[in-house]
Protein backbone atom coordinates (compact mmCIF):
# COMPACT_ATOMS: atom_id res chain seq x y z
CA UNK A 1 0.00 0.00 0.00
CA UNK A 2 1.40 3.38 -0.98
CA UNK A 3 1.09 5.98 1.75
CA UNK A 4 2.59 8.79 -0.24
CA UNK A 5 5.57 10.83 0.81
CA UNK A 6 6.17 11.44 4.48
CA UNK A 7 7.10 14.93 5.62
CA UNK A 8 10.70 15.92 6.21
CA UNK A 9 11.91 15.76 9.78
CA UNK A 10 13.20 18.82 11.61
CA UNK A 11 16.78 18.13 10.52
CA UNK A 12 15.70 18.25 6.87
CA UNK A 13 16.39 14.62 6.00
CA UNK A 14 13.66 12.28 4.78
CA UNK A 15 12.00 10.20 7.44
CA UNK A 16 11.27 6.58 6.62
CA UNK A 17 9.34 4.11 8.71
CA UNK A 18 9.22 0.33 8.75
CA UNK A 19 5.98 -1.48 7.91
CA UNK A 20 5.83 -2.55 11.57
CA UNK A 21 6.02 1.07 12.75
CA UNK A 22 3.29 2.09 10.31
CA UNK A 23 1.08 -0.78 11.47
CA UNK A 24 1.70 0.19 15.13
CA UNK A 25 0.70 3.80 14.43
CA UNK A 26 -2.48 2.67 12.66
CA UNK A 27 -3.36 0.36 15.55
CA UNK A 28 -3.02 3.38 17.83
CA UNK A 29 -5.41 5.52 15.79
CA UNK A 30 -3.29 7.19 13.10
CA UNK A 31 -5.10 7.40 9.76
CA UNK A 32 -3.29 9.83 7.47
CA UNK A 33 0.39 9.81 6.47
CA UNK A 34 0.88 12.95 8.58
CA UNK A 35 -0.65 11.27 11.64
CA UNK A 36 1.44 8.14 11.11
CA UNK A 37 4.61 10.23 10.91
CA UNK A 38 3.61 12.21 14.00
CA UNK A 39 2.78 9.11 16.11
CA UNK A 40 6.03 7.33 15.24
CA UNK A 41 8.21 10.41 15.67
CA UNK A 42 6.68 11.28 19.03
CA UNK A 43 6.95 7.67 20.22
CA UNK A 44 10.64 7.57 19.28
CA UNK A 45 11.30 10.84 21.09
CA UNK A 46 9.49 9.65 24.22
CA UNK A 47 11.36 6.35 24.26
CA UNK A 48 14.73 7.96 23.55
CA UNK A 49 15.16 6.43 20.10
CA UNK A 50 16.56 8.48 17.23
CA UNK A 51 13.62 10.06 15.41
PDB file of N, CA and C in Angstrom:
ATOM      1  N   UNK A   1       0.846  -1.182   0.000  1.00  0.00           N
ATOM      2  CA  UNK A   1       0.000   0.000   0.000  1.00  0.00           C
ATOM      3  C   UNK A   1       0.887   1.238   0.000  1.00  0.00           C
ATOM      4  N   UNK A   2       0.634   2.144  -0.887  1.00  0.00           N
ATOM      5  CA  UNK A   2       1.400   3.376  -0.981  1.00  0.00           C
ATOM      6  C   UNK A   2       0.779   4.430  -0.082  1.00  0.00           C
ATOM      7  N   UNK A   3       1.583   4.958   0.833  1.00  0.00           N
ATOM      8  CA  UNK A   3       1.089   5.979   1.753  1.00  0.00           C
ATOM      9  C   UNK A   3       1.468   7.379   1.313  1.00  0.00           C
ATOM     10  N   UNK A   4       2.141   7.483   0.185  1.00  0.00           N
ATOM     11  CA  UNK A   4       2.590   8.794  -0.244  1.00  0.00           C
ATOM     12  C   UNK A   4       3.893   9.153   0.427  1.00  0.00           C
ATOM     13  N   UNK A   5       4.303  10.378   0.251  1.00  0.00           N
ATOM     14  CA  UNK A   5       5.569  10.830   0.809  1.00  0.00           C
ATOM     15  C   UNK A   5       5.362  11.352   2.215  1.00  0.00           C
ATOM     16  N   UNK A   6       6.216  10.932   3.117  1.00  0.00           N
ATOM     17  CA  UNK A   6       6.166  11.436   4.480  1.00  0.00           C
ATOM     18  C   UNK A   6       6.870  12.778   4.547  1.00  0.00           C
ATOM     19  N   UNK A   7       6.470  13.621   5.492  1.00  0.00           N
ATOM     20  CA  UNK A   7       7.097  14.934   5.615  1.00  0.00           C
ATOM     21  C   UNK A   7       8.555  14.815   6.044  1.00  0.00           C
ATOM     22  N   UNK A   8       9.311  15.866   5.788  1.00  0.00           N
ATOM     23  CA  UNK A   8      10.704  15.918   6.207  1.00  0.00           C
ATOM     24  C   UNK A   8      10.757  16.111   7.711  1.00  0.00           C
ATOM     25  N   UNK A   9      11.771  15.530   8.349  1.00  0.00           N
ATOM     26  CA  UNK A   9      11.910  15.760   9.776  1.00  0.00           C
ATOM     27  C   UNK A   9      12.560  17.118  10.006  1.00  0.00           C
ATOM     28  N   UNK A  10      12.711  17.495  11.282  1.00  0.00           N
ATOM     29  CA  UNK A  10      13.204  18.823  11.610  1.00  0.00           C
ATOM     30  C   UNK A  10      14.625  19.064  11.137  1.00  0.00           C
ATOM     31  N   UNK A  11      15.401  17.998  10.972  1.00  0.00           N
ATOM     32  CA  UNK A  11      16.779  18.134  10.516  1.00  0.00           C
ATOM     33  C   UNK A  11      16.857  18.284   9.003  1.00  0.00           C
ATOM     34  N   UNK A  12      15.741  18.081   8.315  1.00  0.00           N
ATOM     35  CA  UNK A  12      15.702  18.248   6.875  1.00  0.00           C
ATOM     36  C   UNK A  12      15.987  16.988   6.077  1.00  0.00           C
ATOM     37  N   UNK A  13      16.171  15.854   6.743  1.00  0.00           N
ATOM     38  CA  UNK A  13      16.391  14.619   6.004  1.00  0.00           C
ATOM     39  C   UNK A  13      15.089  13.827   5.942  1.00  0.00           C
ATOM     40  N   UNK A  14      14.913  13.033   4.894  1.00  0.00           N
ATOM     41  CA  UNK A  14      13.660  12.283   4.779  1.00  0.00           C
ATOM     42  C   UNK A  14      13.502  11.287   5.922  1.00  0.00           C
ATOM     43  N   UNK A  15      12.307  11.142   6.377  1.00  0.00           N
ATOM     44  CA  UNK A  15      12.005  10.198   7.439  1.00  0.00           C
ATOM     45  C   UNK A  15      11.357   8.975   6.811  1.00  0.00           C
ATOM     46  N   UNK A  16      11.882   7.809   7.125  1.00  0.00           N
ATOM     47  CA  UNK A  16      11.267   6.579   6.623  1.00  0.00           C
ATOM     48  C   UNK A  16      10.906   5.694   7.801  1.00  0.00           C
ATOM     49  N   UNK A  17       9.843   4.954   7.641  1.00  0.00           N
ATOM     50  CA  UNK A  17       9.343   4.107   8.708  1.00  0.00           C
ATOM     51  C   UNK A  17       9.204   2.683   8.206  1.00  0.00           C
ATOM     52  N   UNK A  18       9.378   1.736   9.112  1.00  0.00           N
ATOM     53  CA  UNK A  18       9.218   0.329   8.753  1.00  0.00           C
ATOM     54  C   UNK A  18       7.728   0.000   8.662  1.00  0.00           C
ATOM     55  N   UNK A  19       7.393  -1.064   7.954  1.00  0.00           N
ATOM     56  CA  UNK A  19       5.985  -1.483   7.915  1.00  0.00           C
ATOM     57  C   UNK A  19       5.429  -1.754   9.313  1.00  0.00           C
ATOM     58  N   UNK A  20       6.273  -2.273  10.201  1.00  0.00           N
ATOM     59  CA  UNK A  20       5.832  -2.546  11.571  1.00  0.00           C
ATOM     60  C   UNK A  20       5.490  -1.254  12.308  1.00  0.00           C
ATOM     61  N   UNK A  21       6.303  -0.213  12.106  1.00  0.00           N
ATOM     62  CA  UNK A  21       6.023   1.073  12.750  1.00  0.00           C
ATOM     63  C   UNK A  21       4.727   1.674  12.218  1.00  0.00           C
ATOM     64  N   UNK A  22       4.511   1.563  10.917  1.00  0.00           N
ATOM     65  CA  UNK A  22       3.289   2.093  10.308  1.00  0.00           C
ATOM     66  C   UNK A  22       2.075   1.337  10.842  1.00  0.00           C
ATOM     67  N   UNK A  23       2.186   0.019  10.929  1.00  0.00           N
ATOM     68  CA  UNK A  23       1.080  -0.785  11.470  1.00  0.00           C
ATOM     69  C   UNK A  23       0.804  -0.398  12.920  1.00  0.00           C
ATOM     70  N   UNK A  24       1.856  -0.214  13.722  1.00  0.00           N
ATOM     71  CA  UNK A  24       1.699   0.189  15.125  1.00  0.00           C
ATOM     72  C   UNK A  24       0.954   1.522  15.212  1.00  0.00           C
ATOM     73  N   UNK A  25       1.348   2.492  14.401  1.00  0.00           N
ATOM     74  CA  UNK A  25       0.701   3.802  14.433  1.00  0.00           C
ATOM     75  C   UNK A  25      -0.776   3.682  14.065  1.00  0.00           C
ATOM     76  N   UNK A  26      -1.080   2.873  13.054  1.00  0.00           N
ATOM     77  CA  UNK A  26      -2.481   2.673  12.656  1.00  0.00           C
ATOM     78  C   UNK A  26      -3.282   2.017  13.773  1.00  0.00           C
ATOM     79  N   UNK A  27      -2.677   1.034  14.442  1.00  0.00           N
ATOM     80  CA  UNK A  27      -3.360   0.363  15.550  1.00  0.00           C
ATOM     81  C   UNK A  27      -3.635   1.327  16.700  1.00  0.00           C
ATOM     82  N   UNK A  28      -2.855   2.391  16.772  1.00  0.00           N
ATOM     83  CA  UNK A  28      -3.019   3.380  17.830  1.00  0.00           C
ATOM     84  C   UNK A  28      -3.821   4.596  17.372  1.00  0.00           C
ATOM     85  N   UNK A  29      -4.470   4.506  16.211  1.00  0.00           N
ATOM     86  CA  UNK A  29      -5.409   5.523  15.788  1.00  0.00           C
ATOM     87  C   UNK A  29      -4.978   6.439  14.665  1.00  0.00           C
ATOM     88  N   UNK A  30      -3.736   6.335  14.201  1.00  0.00           N
ATOM     89  CA  UNK A  30      -3.293   7.194  13.095  1.00  0.00           C
ATOM     90  C   UNK A  30      -3.979   6.749  11.809  1.00  0.00           C
ATOM     91  N   UNK A  31      -4.419   7.731  11.010  1.00  0.00           N
ATOM     92  CA  UNK A  31      -5.096   7.401   9.763  1.00  0.00           C
ATOM     93  C   UNK A  31      -4.379   7.973   8.549  1.00  0.00           C
ATOM     94  N   UNK A  32      -3.949   9.209   8.616  1.00  0.00           N
ATOM     95  CA  UNK A  32      -3.288   9.829   7.471  1.00  0.00           C
ATOM     96  C   UNK A  32      -1.775   9.645   7.567  1.00  0.00           C
ATOM     97  N   UNK A  33      -1.077   9.898   6.469  1.00  0.00           N
ATOM     98  CA  UNK A  33       0.387   9.813   6.467  1.00  0.00           C
ATOM     99  C   UNK A  33       0.978  10.785   7.481  1.00  0.00           C
ATOM    100  N   UNK A  34       0.392  11.972   7.599  1.00  0.00           N
ATOM    101  CA  UNK A  34       0.883  12.947   8.577  1.00  0.00           C
ATOM    102  C   UNK A  34       0.717  12.434  10.001  1.00  0.00           C
ATOM    103  N   UNK A  35      -0.425  11.821  10.291  1.00  0.00           N
ATOM    104  CA  UNK A  35      -0.652  11.275  11.636  1.00  0.00           C
ATOM    105  C   UNK A  35       0.301  10.120  11.921  1.00  0.00           C
ATOM    106  N   UNK A  36       0.515   9.259  10.941  1.00  0.00           N
ATOM    107  CA  UNK A  36       1.441   8.141  11.114  1.00  0.00           C
ATOM    108  C   UNK A  36       2.832   8.667  11.431  1.00  0.00           C
ATOM    109  N   UNK A  37       3.293   9.640  10.667  1.00  0.00           N
ATOM    110  CA  UNK A  37       4.615  10.229  10.907  1.00  0.00           C
ATOM    111  C   UNK A  37       4.683  10.849  12.293  1.00  0.00           C
ATOM    112  N   UNK A  38       3.635  11.557  12.691  1.00  0.00           N
ATOM    113  CA  UNK A  38       3.609  12.206  14.005  1.00  0.00           C
ATOM    114  C   UNK A  38       3.657  11.171  15.125  1.00  0.00           C
ATOM    115  N   UNK A  39       2.829  10.142  15.057  1.00  0.00           N
ATOM    116  CA  UNK A  39       2.784   9.111  16.107  1.00  0.00           C
ATOM    117  C   UNK A  39       4.150   8.454  16.275  1.00  0.00           C
ATOM    118  N   UNK A  40       4.750   8.037  15.164  1.00  0.00           N
ATOM    119  CA  UNK A  40       6.028   7.332  15.235  1.00  0.00           C
ATOM    120  C   UNK A  40       7.127   8.253  15.747  1.00  0.00           C
ATOM    121  N   UNK A  41       7.176   9.469  15.239  1.00  0.00           N
ATOM    122  CA  UNK A  41       8.210  10.413  15.666  1.00  0.00           C
ATOM    123  C   UNK A  41       8.084  10.728  17.145  1.00  0.00           C
ATOM    124  N   UNK A  42       6.874  10.981  17.614  1.00  0.00           N
ATOM    125  CA  UNK A  42       6.676  11.280  19.031  1.00  0.00           C
ATOM    126  C   UNK A  42       7.018  10.069  19.897  1.00  0.00           C
ATOM    127  N   UNK A  43       6.641   8.883  19.463  1.00  0.00           N
ATOM    128  CA  UNK A  43       6.949   7.669  20.219  1.00  0.00           C
ATOM    129  C   UNK A  43       8.461   7.488  20.348  1.00  0.00           C
ATOM    130  N   UNK A  44       9.182   7.704  19.245  1.00  0.00           N
ATOM    131  CA  UNK A  44      10.641   7.566  19.280  1.00  0.00           C
ATOM    132  C   UNK A  44      11.266   8.595  20.214  1.00  0.00           C
ATOM    133  N   UNK A  45      10.758   9.802  20.200  1.00  0.00           N
ATOM    134  CA  UNK A  45      11.296  10.836  21.092  1.00  0.00           C
ATOM    135  C   UNK A  45      11.032  10.491  22.553  1.00  0.00           C
ATOM    136  N   UNK A  46       9.837   9.993  22.844  1.00  0.00           N
ATOM    137  CA  UNK A  46       9.487   9.649  24.224  1.00  0.00           C
ATOM    138  C   UNK A  46      10.265   8.444  24.739  1.00  0.00           C
ATOM    139  N   UNK A  47      10.626   7.539  23.847  1.00  0.00           N
ATOM    140  CA  UNK A  47      11.364   6.351  24.262  1.00  0.00           C
ATOM    141  C   UNK A  47      12.871   6.524  24.134  1.00  0.00           C
ATOM    142  N   UNK A  48      13.305   7.682  23.651  1.00  0.00           N
ATOM    143  CA  UNK A  48      14.733   7.957  23.546  1.00  0.00           C
ATOM    144  C   UNK A  48      15.398   7.405  22.301  1.00  0.00           C
ATOM    145  N   UNK A  49      14.602   6.912  21.362  1.00  0.00           N
ATOM    146  CA  UNK A  49      15.160   6.431  20.099  1.00  0.00           C
ATOM    147  C   UNK A  49      15.417   7.618  19.188  1.00  0.00           C
ATOM    148  N   UNK A  50      16.295   7.434  18.228  1.00  0.00           N
ATOM    149  CA  UNK A  50      16.556   8.476  17.231  1.00  0.00           C
ATOM    150  C   UNK A  50      15.321   8.617  16.356  1.00  0.00           C
ATOM    151  N   UNK A  51      14.819   9.837  16.226  1.00  0.00           N
ATOM    152  CA  UNK A  51      13.622  10.063  15.408  1.00  0.00           C
ATOM    153  C   UNK A  51      13.993  10.627  14.067  1.00  0.00           C
TER     154      UNK A  51
END
